[in-house]
Amino acid sequence: MKAVVTTGNGGFDKLQYCEVPLPELGAGEILIKVLAAGVNNTEINTRLGWYSGGGWHIPTPFPFIQGTDCCGIVTQTFDSDDAGFVGKRVLVRPCMRPNGFDSMLNIWMGSDFDGAFAQYVKVPANEVFPIESSWTDAELGSIPCSYGSAENMVQRSRVTSGEHVLVAGASGGVGSAVVQLAKIRGATVTAIVGKSKMEEVIRIGADFVVDRDSDLVNELGEESFDVVIDNVGGPHFAGELNTLKRGGRYATSGAIGGPLVDLDLRTMYLKDLTLIGCTAWDEPVFPRLVSYIESNRIKPLVAKTFPLADIARAQQEFLEKKHVGKFVLIPQHEE
């Protein structure tokens, strides 16, 4: 099969589109013909070695196939008990809890083992979710990583009806998902976004928007929000905490604007804030997303599609951050 092999830490030259062996199935595994695979920050960060410091790091298994998002069709199963999957269009839950949901240990498709930047991928059968939807393959392929991470943060921060939520990076894949998922719960949403993308973010459900280059405390006021959901980090972090009400919650699953931030511990403890790190997905997260898709309660935001072979061009455009929503790669299959 054809696949993009990431050969090590470095630039776009580490992405090699080439012929590789078809995955061989073992017990409990199924083979999926990949129809669409979204582009995420995590794949770029992994290639650049962004996760290589600190006590959290599991060595990246270079050379390997990245690709955290997968929409595809099941073509083969190892166990006869899983034969009912064959021929079904499915999504793969990319954040897997190998020791069960009582353990926070998690592994990610496309980061810890071969993923979906290929014509075929093998995955554990219990991480596969058949889906009945009129959405296109590309639309479905835009969902797993960004919407799963978003739903996990919305759930962990316990967003409820009537609360006011501040969403950072609201034009990106995760942020735009948070806007929709917080609205489903009945929250009021204020979105932090660049001026050129404000109208699009309002269109997907944000009640208010604020320019990402503004002074958040001056624009929004202190103690204005019940929850901040932030996948950006960087210089706005301190201001975001100041906008939280007493007893407020701050949730994050990323730091694309910079991982090192200024934290005045007095702000945290004197305001009784809760800071929530979110990586391992809770058990209800992905089944709930599937139900939202099947009932059309969320909207896919596909900015652009690219052939899988053009992954370097897709990632280059992705890093320019001029788009709203997701880029999706489409493997070419010989029929």
Protein backbone atom coordinates (compact mmCIF):
# COMPACT_ATOMS: atom_id res chain seq x y z
CA MET A 1 0.00 0.00 0.00
CA LYS A 2 0.97 3.67 -0.26
CA ALA A 3 1.60 5.59 2.96
CA VAL A 4 3.36 8.64 4.34
CA VAL A 5 6.20 7.45 6.55
CA THR A 6 7.61 9.95 9.04
CA THR A 7 11.27 9.03 9.30
CA GLY A 8 12.29 11.14 12.30
CA ASN A 9 12.22 14.54 13.96
CA GLY A 10 12.68 17.41 11.54
CA GLY A 11 11.16 19.28 8.61
CA PHE A 12 8.90 18.34 5.72
CA ASP A 13 11.72 16.26 4.26
CA LYS A 14 10.95 13.68 6.99
CA LEU A 15 7.61 12.92 5.30
CA GLN A 16 8.18 10.16 2.73
CA TYR A 17 5.28 9.07 0.49
CA CYS A 18 6.21 5.51 -0.43
CA GLU A 19 5.21 1.86 -0.75
CA VAL A 20 4.99 -0.09 2.52
CA PRO A 21 3.68 -3.55 3.47
CA LEU A 22 -0.03 -3.94 4.16
CA PRO A 23 -0.60 -4.25 7.94
CA GLU A 24 -0.85 -7.81 9.24
CA LEU A 25 -3.72 -8.38 11.65
CA GLY A 26 -3.44 -9.95 15.08
CA ALA A 27 -6.05 -11.03 17.60
CA GLY A 28 -8.69 -8.37 18.22
CA GLU A 29 -7.62 -6.22 15.26
CA ILE A 30 -9.39 -5.11 12.10
CA LEU A 31 -8.20 -3.61 8.81
CA ILE A 32 -9.67 -0.35 7.56
CA LYS A 33 -9.47 1.13 4.07
CA VAL A 34 -8.80 4.80 4.84
CA LEU A 35 -11.15 7.18 3.04
CA ALA A 36 -10.17 10.43 4.78
CA ALA A 37 -7.67 11.54 7.43
CA GLY A 38 -7.66 14.97 9.06
CA VAL A 39 -4.58 17.14 9.60
CA ASN A 40 -3.86 18.14 13.22
CA ASN A 41 -1.34 20.13 15.21
CA THR A 42 -0.35 16.97 17.06
CA GLU A 43 1.14 15.33 13.96
CA ILE A 44 3.26 18.38 13.20
CA ASN A 45 4.31 18.73 16.83
CA THR A 46 5.30 15.05 17.00
CA ARG A 47 7.46 15.39 13.89
CA LEU A 48 9.12 18.51 15.27
CA GLY A 49 9.91 16.78 18.59
CA TRP A 50 7.62 19.09 20.57
CA TYR A 51 6.63 16.33 23.03
CA SER A 52 10.18 15.16 23.68
CA GLY A 53 10.77 16.84 27.05
CA GLY A 54 9.55 16.23 30.57
CA GLY A 55 8.29 13.12 32.30
CA TRP A 56 5.25 12.69 30.07
CA HIS A 57 7.09 11.54 26.96
CA ILE A 58 6.89 8.08 25.39
CA PRO A 59 9.56 7.76 22.69
CA THR A 60 8.07 8.27 19.22
CA PRO A 61 8.42 5.02 17.23
CA PHE A 62 10.22 6.44 14.16
CA PRO A 63 9.97 5.50 11.36
CA PHE A 64 6.21 5.16 11.47
CA ILE A 65 2.95 6.29 9.86
CA GLN A 66 1.22 9.29 11.45
CA GLY A 67 -2.46 10.21 11.09
CA THR A 68 -4.69 10.61 14.14
CA ASP A 69 -8.04 11.00 12.33
CA CYS A 70 -9.61 8.19 10.35
CA CYS A 71 -12.83 7.70 8.44
CA GLY A 72 -12.82 4.45 6.49
CA ILE A 73 -14.46 1.17 5.55
CA VAL A 74 -13.68 -2.08 7.35
CA THR A 75 -12.27 -4.61 4.87
CA GLN A 76 -10.99 -7.45 7.07
CA THR A 77 -11.13 -8.77 10.64
CA PHE A 78 -8.91 -11.23 12.45
CA ASP A 79 -11.62 -12.62 14.73
CA SER A 80 -14.83 -14.05 13.33
CA ASP A 81 -16.75 -12.33 16.15
CA ASP A 82 -15.87 -8.98 14.51
CA ALA A 83 -16.95 -9.99 11.00
CA GLY A 84 -20.08 -7.84 11.30
CA PHE A 85 -17.87 -4.77 10.89
CA VAL A 86 -16.85 -5.69 7.33
CA GLY A 87 -18.20 -3.26 4.76
CA LYS A 88 -19.27 -0.65 7.31
CA ARG A 89 -18.14 2.96 7.25
CA VAL A 90 -16.53 3.74 10.57
CA LEU A 91 -14.70 6.29 12.67
CA VAL A 92 -11.75 5.31 14.85
CA ARG A 93 -11.37 6.59 18.40
CA PRO A 94 -7.73 7.72 18.27
CA CYS A 95 -7.19 8.20 22.02
CA MET A 96 -7.12 4.69 23.47
CA ARG A 97 -7.04 3.61 27.13
CA PRO A 98 -5.26 0.22 27.01
CA ASN A 99 -5.64 -0.42 30.75
CA GLY A 100 -9.29 0.58 30.82
CA PHE A 101 -11.04 3.81 31.78
CA ASP A 102 -10.03 3.55 35.45
CA SER A 103 -6.44 4.26 34.36
CA MET A 104 -5.33 7.57 32.84
CA LEU A 105 -2.70 5.82 30.71
CA ASN A 106 -3.48 6.59 27.08
CA ILE A 107 -1.98 5.88 23.67
CA TRP A 108 -2.76 7.65 20.40
CA MET A 109 -3.12 6.30 16.91
CA GLY A 110 -0.66 8.08 14.67
CA SER A 111 1.58 9.10 17.58
CA ASP A 112 2.33 5.89 19.47
CA PHE A 113 1.63 3.43 16.64
CA ASP A 114 0.90 3.52 12.91
CA GLY A 115 -2.02 5.71 11.92
CA ALA A 116 -4.20 6.79 9.02
CA PHE A 117 -1.84 8.63 6.64
CA ALA A 118 -2.01 5.51 4.47
CA GLN A 119 -4.33 3.58 2.22
CA TYR A 120 -5.01 1.10 5.05
CA VAL A 121 -4.65 1.06 8.83
CA LYS A 122 -5.12 -1.66 11.44
CA VAL A 123 -6.74 -0.83 14.78
CA PRO A 124 -8.25 -2.64 17.78
CA ALA A 125 -11.83 -3.64 17.02
CA ASN A 126 -13.09 -2.08 20.25
CA GLU A 127 -11.91 1.37 19.07
CA VAL A 128 -14.04 1.28 15.91
CA PHE A 129 -17.45 2.98 15.73
CA PRO A 130 -19.79 2.30 12.77
CA ILE A 131 -21.60 5.45 11.72
CA GLU A 132 -24.83 6.11 9.82
CA SER A 133 -24.60 9.59 8.33
CA SER A 134 -25.07 11.52 5.09
CA TRP A 135 -21.82 13.38 5.71
CA THR A 136 -19.00 12.97 3.20
CA ASP A 137 -15.90 10.95 4.01
CA ALA A 138 -13.88 14.17 4.32
CA GLU A 139 -16.42 15.65 6.73
CA LEU A 140 -16.32 12.55 8.92
CA GLY A 141 -12.53 12.45 8.70
CA SER A 142 -12.34 15.96 10.14
CA ILE A 143 -13.98 14.96 13.42
CA PRO A 144 -12.12 12.50 15.70
CA CYS A 145 -9.10 14.31 17.16
CA SER A 146 -10.39 17.88 17.29
CA TYR A 147 -13.97 17.17 18.34
CA GLY A 148 -12.92 14.40 20.72
CA SER A 149 -10.43 16.70 22.45
CA ALA A 150 -13.06 19.46 22.53
CA GLU A 151 -15.80 17.24 23.95
CA ASN A 152 -13.39 15.90 26.56
CA MET A 153 -12.59 19.44 27.76
CA VAL A 154 -16.26 20.48 27.75
CA GLN A 155 -17.13 17.37 29.77
CA ARG A 156 -14.22 17.62 32.22
CA SER A 157 -14.92 21.31 32.89
CA ARG A 158 -18.58 20.43 33.54
CA VAL A 159 -20.09 23.08 31.26
CA THR A 160 -23.79 23.43 31.99
CA SER A 161 -26.74 25.46 30.75
CA GLY A 162 -26.64 29.13 31.62
CA GLU A 163 -22.89 29.32 32.13
CA HIS A 164 -20.64 31.68 30.19
CA VAL A 165 -17.67 30.02 28.45
CA LEU A 166 -14.62 31.76 26.97
CA VAL A 167 -13.07 29.80 24.08
CA ALA A 168 -9.53 30.53 22.91
CA GLY A 169 -8.44 29.75 19.35
CA ALA A 170 -12.06 29.50 18.28
CA SER A 171 -11.37 29.37 14.53
CA GLY A 172 -9.18 26.25 14.76
CA GLY A 173 -10.30 22.64 14.62
CA VAL A 174 -10.54 22.18 18.40
CA GLY A 175 -11.78 25.68 19.21
CA SER A 176 -14.55 25.66 16.61
CA ALA A 177 -15.65 22.28 17.98
CA VAL A 178 -15.71 23.65 21.54
CA VAL A 179 -17.98 26.49 20.41
CA GLN A 180 -20.53 24.03 19.05
CA LEU A 181 -20.29 21.55 21.91
CA ALA A 182 -20.65 24.23 24.59
CA LYS A 183 -23.73 25.59 22.79
CA ILE A 184 -25.27 22.09 22.75
CA ARG A 185 -25.08 22.21 26.57
CA GLY A 186 -26.89 25.56 26.65
CA ALA A 187 -23.91 27.76 27.51
CA THR A 188 -23.27 31.30 26.31
CA VAL A 189 -20.01 31.39 24.32
CA THR A 190 -17.51 34.19 23.83
CA ALA A 191 -14.87 33.31 21.25
CA ILE A 192 -11.32 34.65 20.99
CA VAL A 193 -10.49 34.89 17.28
CA GLY A 194 -8.68 36.96 14.66
CA LYS A 195 -10.69 39.79 13.11
CA SER A 196 -10.79 38.18 9.66
CA LYS A 197 -12.52 35.06 11.04
CA MET A 198 -15.07 36.60 13.39
CA GLU A 199 -18.09 36.29 11.10
CA GLU A 200 -17.43 32.61 10.45
CA VAL A 201 -17.12 31.86 14.16
CA ILE A 202 -20.40 33.66 14.88
CA ARG A 203 -21.96 31.60 12.10
CA ILE A 204 -21.07 28.35 13.90
CA GLY A 205 -22.71 29.53 17.12
CA ALA A 206 -20.55 31.93 19.12
CA ASP A 207 -22.65 34.56 20.92
CA PHE A 208 -19.82 37.09 21.18
CA VAL A 209 -16.35 37.45 19.69
CA VAL A 210 -13.24 39.27 20.88
CA ASP A 211 -10.11 40.07 18.92
CA ARG A 212 -7.25 37.75 19.85
CA ASP A 213 -4.85 40.72 19.89
CA SER A 214 -6.85 42.64 22.49
CA ASP A 215 -6.25 42.95 26.23
CA LEU A 216 -8.76 40.37 27.45
CA VAL A 217 -9.26 41.83 30.91
CA ASN A 218 -9.89 45.33 29.53
CA GLU A 219 -12.23 44.01 26.82
CA LEU A 220 -14.13 41.42 28.84
CA GLY A 221 -13.73 42.43 32.48
CA GLU A 222 -12.53 40.50 35.50
CA GLU A 223 -14.64 37.65 36.85
CA SER A 224 -16.85 37.45 33.76
CA PHE A 225 -16.70 33.73 32.89
CA ASP A 226 -17.56 30.45 34.54
CA VAL A 227 -15.25 28.42 32.31
CA VAL A 228 -12.26 29.05 30.04
CA ILE A 229 -11.45 26.38 27.45
CA ASP A 230 -8.05 27.04 25.96
CA ASN A 231 -6.01 25.09 23.42
CA VAL A 232 -3.65 28.02 22.81
CA GLY A 233 -1.79 28.97 25.98
CA GLY A 234 0.89 31.58 25.40
CA PRO A 235 0.73 35.20 26.57
CA HIS A 236 -3.08 35.30 27.04
CA PHE A 237 -3.05 32.67 29.81
CA ALA A 238 -2.77 35.07 32.77
CA GLY A 239 -5.50 37.32 31.39
CA GLU A 240 -7.82 34.37 30.85
CA LEU A 241 -7.48 33.35 34.49
CA ASN A 242 -8.29 36.91 35.55
CA THR A 243 -11.52 36.81 33.55
CA LEU A 244 -12.72 33.75 35.48
CA LYS A 245 -15.26 34.11 38.26
CA ARG A 246 -14.46 32.82 41.72
CA GLY A 247 -14.71 29.03 41.62
CA GLY A 248 -14.23 29.06 37.84
CA ARG A 249 -12.70 26.24 35.81
CA TYR A 250 -9.93 26.37 33.21
CA ALA A 251 -9.41 23.40 30.85
CA THR A 252 -6.68 22.83 28.29
CA SER A 253 -5.51 20.08 25.94
CA GLY A 254 -2.87 22.01 24.02
CA ALA A 255 -0.56 24.98 23.86
CA ILE A 256 -0.18 26.01 20.22
CA GLY A 257 0.49 29.63 21.23
CA GLY A 258 3.29 28.62 23.61
CA PRO A 259 3.57 26.03 26.41
CA LEU A 260 5.32 28.26 28.98
CA VAL A 261 2.94 30.71 30.65
CA ASP A 262 2.85 33.14 33.58
CA LEU A 263 0.86 31.81 36.52
CA ASP A 264 0.42 33.86 39.66
CA LEU A 265 -0.53 31.21 42.20
CA ARG A 266 -2.43 33.84 44.17
CA THR A 267 -4.88 34.18 41.27
CA MET A 268 -5.46 30.44 41.33
CA TYR A 269 -5.87 29.86 45.05
CA LEU A 270 -7.46 33.11 46.15
CA LYS A 271 -10.16 32.73 43.49
CA ASP A 272 -10.59 28.98 44.18
CA LEU A 273 -9.96 28.14 40.53
CA THR A 274 -9.72 24.63 39.14
CA LEU A 275 -7.13 24.00 36.41
CA ILE A 276 -7.89 20.89 34.35
CA GLY A 277 -5.43 19.15 32.05
CA CYS A 278 -7.16 17.04 29.40
CA THR A 279 -5.46 14.38 27.31
CA ALA A 280 -6.97 10.96 28.13
CA TRP A 281 -10.53 10.93 26.79
CA ASP A 282 -13.31 9.88 29.15
CA GLU A 283 -15.40 6.90 28.10
CA PRO A 284 -18.58 8.79 27.05
CA VAL A 285 -16.74 11.25 24.80
CA PHE A 286 -16.54 9.39 21.50
CA PRO A 287 -19.90 7.57 21.58
CA ARG A 288 -21.50 10.95 22.29
CA LEU A 289 -19.79 12.50 19.26
CA VAL A 290 -21.07 9.71 17.05
CA SER A 291 -24.61 10.38 18.30
CA TYR A 292 -24.19 14.11 17.63
CA ILE A 293 -23.10 13.37 14.05
CA GLU A 294 -25.91 10.93 13.39
CA SER A 295 -28.47 13.44 14.70
CA ASN A 296 -26.78 16.38 12.89
CA ARG A 297 -26.30 18.34 16.10
CA ILE A 298 -22.81 19.44 15.10
CA LYS A 299 -21.47 20.79 11.81
CA PRO A 300 -18.31 19.60 10.10
CA LEU A 301 -15.96 22.41 9.13
CA VAL A 302 -13.76 21.21 6.27
CA ALA A 303 -11.67 24.10 5.00
CA LYS A 304 -9.86 22.16 2.25
CA THR A 305 -8.94 18.66 1.09
CA PHE A 306 -5.63 17.42 -0.34
CA PRO A 307 -4.44 14.13 -1.85
CA LEU A 308 -2.48 12.16 0.74
CA ALA A 309 0.65 12.49 -1.40
CA ASP A 310 0.48 16.29 -0.93
CA ILE A 311 0.80 16.10 2.87
CA ALA A 312 3.75 18.54 2.99
CA ARG A 313 1.76 21.20 1.12
CA ALA A 314 -1.24 20.58 3.38
CA GLN A 315 0.83 20.99 6.54
CA GLN A 316 2.52 24.12 5.19
CA GLU A 317 -0.87 25.75 4.50
CA PHE A 318 -2.18 24.49 7.83
CA LEU A 319 0.62 26.30 9.67
CA GLU A 320 -0.32 29.59 8.00
CA LYS A 321 -3.54 29.53 10.09
CA LYS A 322 -5.56 31.41 7.48
CA HIS A 323 -8.37 28.85 7.48
CA VAL A 324 -11.36 28.07 9.69
CA GLY A 325 -11.93 24.40 10.49
CA LYS A 326 -9.95 21.40 9.28
CA PHE A 327 -7.74 20.26 6.41
CA VAL A 328 -8.32 16.66 5.34
CA LEU A 329 -6.11 14.25 3.38
CA ILE A 330 -7.68 11.82 0.89
CA PRO A 331 -5.77 8.62 0.00
CA GLN A 332 -6.01 7.57 -3.63
CA HIS A 333 -7.27 4.00 -4.15
CA GLU A 334 -7.17 1.97 -7.35
CA GLU A 335 -10.62 0.60 -7.92
